[in-house]
Every structure is written in C-alpha cells, then in structure tokens.
C-alpha atoms as a PDB file:
ATOM      1  CA  UNK A   1      28.264  63.018  44.084  1.00  0.00           C
ATOM      2  CA  UNK A   2      30.714  62.496  46.729  1.00  0.00           C
ATOM      3  CA  UNK A   3      29.563  59.326  47.381  1.00  0.00           C
ATOM      4  CA  UNK A   4      29.297  57.792  44.328  1.00  0.00           C
ATOM      5  CA  UNK A   5      33.233  59.093  44.565  1.00  0.00           C
ATOM      6  CA  UNK A   6      33.600  57.373  47.738  1.00  0.00           C
ATOM      7  CA  UNK A   7      31.769  53.940  46.025  1.00  0.00           C
ATOM      8  CA  UNK A   8      34.426  54.254  43.432  1.00  0.00           C
ATOM      9  CA  UNK A   9      37.298  54.404  45.594  1.00  0.00           C
ATOM     10  CA  UNK A  10      35.761  51.497  47.693  1.00  0.00           C
ATOM     11  CA  UNK A  11      35.252  49.182  44.326  1.00  0.00           C
ATOM     12  CA  UNK A  12      39.092  50.034  43.100  1.00  0.00           C
ATOM     13  CA  UNK A  13      40.201  49.107  46.873  1.00  0.00           C
ATOM     14  CA  UNK A  14      38.162  45.813  46.599  1.00  0.00           C
ATOM     15  CA  UNK A  15      39.723  45.148  43.141  1.00  0.00           C
ATOM     16  CA  UNK A  16      43.229  45.930  44.559  1.00  0.00           C
ATOM     17  CA  UNK A  17      42.536  43.218  47.306  1.00  0.00           C
ATOM     18  CA  UNK A  18      41.104  40.346  44.578  1.00  0.00           C
ATOM     19  CA  UNK A  19      44.390  41.056  42.639  1.00  0.00           C
ATOM     20  CA  UNK A  20      46.653  40.617  45.819  1.00  0.00           C
ATOM     21  CA  UNK A  21      44.557  37.578  46.805  1.00  0.00           C
ATOM     22  CA  UNK A  22      44.830  35.705  43.170  1.00  0.00           C
ATOM     23  CA  UNK A  23      48.774  36.522  43.038  1.00  0.00           C
ATOM     24  CA  UNK A  24      48.962  34.970  46.887  1.00  0.00           C
ATOM     25  CA  UNK A  25      46.879  32.078  45.538  1.00  0.00           C
ATOM     26  CA  UNK A  26      49.126  31.542  42.393  1.00  0.00           C
ATOM     27  CA  UNK A  27      52.189  31.351  44.028  1.00  0.00           C
ATOM     28  CA  UNK A  28      50.673  28.428  46.710  1.00  0.00           C
ATOM     29  CA  UNK A  29      49.442  26.982  43.411  1.00  0.00           C
ATOM     30  CA  UNK A  30      53.152  26.871  42.351  1.00  0.00           C
ATOM     31  CA  UNK A  31      54.051  25.386  45.673  1.00  0.00           C
ATOM     32  CA  UNK A  32      51.428  23.011  45.094  1.00  0.00           C
ATOM     33  CA  UNK A  33      52.909  21.873  42.207  1.00  0.00           C
ATOM     34  CA  UNK A  34      56.439  21.554  43.461  1.00  0.00           C
ATOM     35  CA  UNK A  35      55.277  19.678  46.285  1.00  0.00           C
ATOM     36  CA  UNK A  36      53.324  17.362  43.960  1.00  0.00           C
ATOM     37  CA  UNK A  37      56.608  16.952  41.597  1.00  0.00           C
ATOM     38  CA  UNK A  38      58.563  16.085  45.225  1.00  0.00           C
ATOM     39  CA  UNK A  39      56.037  13.265  45.778  1.00  0.00           C
ATOM     40  CA  UNK A  40      55.911  12.016  42.713  1.00  0.00           C
ATOM     41  CA  UNK A  41      59.925  11.462  42.382  1.00  0.00           C
ATOM     42  CA  UNK A  42      59.975  10.317  45.829  1.00  0.00           C
ATOM     43  CA  UNK A  43      57.735   7.081  44.587  1.00  0.00           C
ATOM     44  CA  UNK A  44      60.461   5.840  42.622  1.00  0.00           C
ATOM     45  CA  UNK A  45      63.421   6.487  44.568  1.00  0.00           C
ATOM     46  CA  UNK A  46      65.115   4.682  47.616  1.00  0.00           C
ATOM     47  CA  UNK A  47      66.770   7.265  49.284  1.00  0.00           C
ATOM     48  CA  UNK A  48      65.560  10.488  50.232  1.00  0.00           C
ATOM     49  CA  UNK A  49      67.089  14.225  51.085  1.00  0.00           C
ATOM     50  CA  UNK A  50      65.790  17.030  52.853  1.00  0.00           C
ATOM     51  CA  UNK A  51      67.023  20.336  52.533  1.00  0.00           C
ATOM     52  CA  UNK A  52      67.901  22.347  55.716  1.00  0.00           C
ATOM     53  CA  UNK A  53      68.988  25.490  55.512  1.00  0.00           C
ATOM     54  CA  UNK A  54      71.912  25.389  53.064  1.00  0.00           C
ATOM     55  CA  UNK A  55      72.723  21.353  53.593  1.00  0.00           C
ATOM     56  CA  UNK A  56      71.079  18.504  52.314  1.00  0.00           C
ATOM     57  CA  UNK A  57      70.676  15.898  54.776  1.00  0.00           C
ATOM     58  CA  UNK A  58      69.935  12.036  54.317  1.00  0.00           C
ATOM     59  CA  UNK A  59      66.042  11.384  55.561  1.00  0.00           C
ATOM     60  CA  UNK A  60      63.990   8.762  55.877  1.00  0.00           C
ATOM     61  CA  UNK A  61      61.852   8.342  52.606  1.00  0.00           C
ATOM     62  CA  UNK A  62      58.488   7.940  54.818  1.00  0.00           C
ATOM     63  CA  UNK A  63      59.153  10.540  56.881  1.00  0.00           C
ATOM     64  CA  UNK A  64      59.719  12.746  54.150  1.00  0.00           C
ATOM     65  CA  UNK A  65      56.590  11.587  52.393  1.00  0.00           C
ATOM     66  CA  UNK A  66      54.656  12.254  55.273  1.00  0.00           C
ATOM     67  CA  UNK A  67      55.958  15.801  55.632  1.00  0.00           C
ATOM     68  CA  UNK A  68      55.263  16.454  52.135  1.00  0.00           C
ATOM     69  CA  UNK A  69      51.621  15.299  51.880  1.00  0.00           C
ATOM     70  CA  UNK A  70      50.638  17.404  55.075  1.00  0.00           C
ATOM     71  CA  UNK A  71      52.342  20.729  53.237  1.00  0.00           C
ATOM     72  CA  UNK A  72      50.342  19.206  50.504  1.00  0.00           C
ATOM     73  CA  UNK A  73      47.188  19.414  52.633  1.00  0.00           C
ATOM     74  CA  UNK A  74      48.005  22.708  54.137  1.00  0.00           C
ATOM     75  CA  UNK A  75      48.332  24.404  51.003  1.00  0.00           C
ATOM     76  CA  UNK A  76      45.247  22.854  49.420  1.00  0.00           C
ATOM     77  CA  UNK A  77      43.205  24.496  52.347  1.00  0.00           C
ATOM     78  CA  UNK A  78      44.989  27.632  52.338  1.00  0.00           C
ATOM     79  CA  UNK A  79      44.049  28.004  48.205  1.00  0.00           C
ATOM     80  CA  UNK A  80      40.673  27.129  48.746  1.00  0.00           C
ATOM     81  CA  UNK A  81      40.759  29.976  51.309  1.00  0.00           C
ATOM     82  CA  UNK A  82      41.970  32.314  48.846  1.00  0.00           C
ATOM     83  CA  UNK A  83      39.594  31.379  46.190  1.00  0.00           C
ATOM     84  CA  UNK A  84      36.444  31.964  49.001  1.00  0.00           C
ATOM     85  CA  UNK A  85      37.831  35.352  49.966  1.00  0.00           C
ATOM     86  CA  UNK A  86      38.224  36.309  46.119  1.00  0.00           C
ATOM     87  CA  UNK A  87      35.040  35.125  45.361  1.00  0.00           C
ATOM     88  CA  UNK A  88      33.829  37.431  48.038  1.00  0.00           C
ATOM     89  CA  UNK A  89      35.187  40.079  46.894  1.00  0.00           C
ATOM     90  CA  UNK A  90      34.448  39.354  43.732  1.00  0.00           C
ATOM     91  CA  UNK A  91      30.665  39.476  44.783  1.00  0.00           C
ATOM     92  CA  UNK A  92      31.034  42.407  47.088  1.00  0.00           C
ATOM     93  CA  UNK A  93      32.800  44.346  43.835  1.00  0.00           C
ATOM     94  CA  UNK A  94      30.104  43.109  41.503  1.00  0.00           C
ATOM     95  CA  UNK A  95      27.040  44.916  44.044  1.00  0.00           C
ATOM     96  CA  UNK A  96      29.007  47.762  44.528  1.00  0.00           C
ATOM     97  CA  UNK A  97      29.525  48.530  40.959  1.00  0.00           C
ATOM     98  CA  UNK A  98      25.884  47.819  40.047  1.00  0.00           C
ATOM     99  CA  UNK A  99      24.866  50.370  42.907  1.00  0.00           C
ATOM    100  CA  UNK A 100      27.320  53.315  41.008  1.00  0.00           C
ATOM    101  CA  UNK A 101      25.946  52.467  37.773  1.00  0.00           C
ATOM    102  CA  UNK A 102      22.098  52.880  39.543  1.00  0.00           C
ATOM    103  CA  UNK A 103      23.437  56.253  41.157  1.00  0.00           C
ATOM    104  CA  UNK A 104      24.898  57.650  38.128  1.00  0.00           C
ATOM    105  CA  UNK A 105      21.908  56.617  35.771  1.00  0.00           C
ATOM    106  CA  UNK A 106      19.648  58.223  38.144  1.00  0.00           C
ATOM    107  CA  UNK A 107      21.844  61.708  38.455  1.00  0.00           C
ATOM    108  CA  UNK A 108      21.774  61.624  34.430  1.00  0.00           C
ATOM    109  CA  UNK A 109      18.120  61.225  34.231  1.00  0.00           C
ATOM    110  CA  UNK A 110      17.026  63.630  37.211  1.00  0.00           C
END
C-alpha cells in the first residue's frame, strides 16, 4: 500500500511538471506570435525602431528583421523542446497510472 501511495505522489508530481511545461510553452507561443507580427509590420514600413530599456531607437530595418528572425528561430526550438518534454512526461504518467491501477486491482482481488 505504501508503494502505491509513493507512485500516486510521483504521478501528482509528474502532472504538476506537465502543467508547468505547458504554461511555459504557452508563454513562448505568445512570444512567437508577437515576433511574427513584428516581422509582418517590418515588411510594410521603411523605418524601424527598437526599444532598448525605456527608449525607442531608430535602427536599420534589415538588422531588426535579422534579430527578430533569430529570436523566432530560438523560440520555435524552445517550443519544440517543451513539447518533447511534455510528451515524455505524459508517457511516464500514463505508464505510472497503469501500474497504480494494476496494483490496486490486484489488492482488491487478492
């Protein structure tokens, strides 16, 4: 019985980790949308400004586009990593859940 409780606690921890990863992934997805919107805006403008601390500075459109594309690439990689981690944790949680259910059925029948 103590082993089952330990597995249940593990399962709860896994589910908390899945939730945390999901929230972080969502934050990066929101950043990705902002970056994509900024890139679209840059296509239609001749001048570009970059915010540094609390001031806006005129910058080369090409430099800002390059920087945003790099940030987009890094953000996409991070999102994929979060998705992989979530998938791995979901798989572990599913396996653990099966173990717990199997163990409980044995105790009930045995």
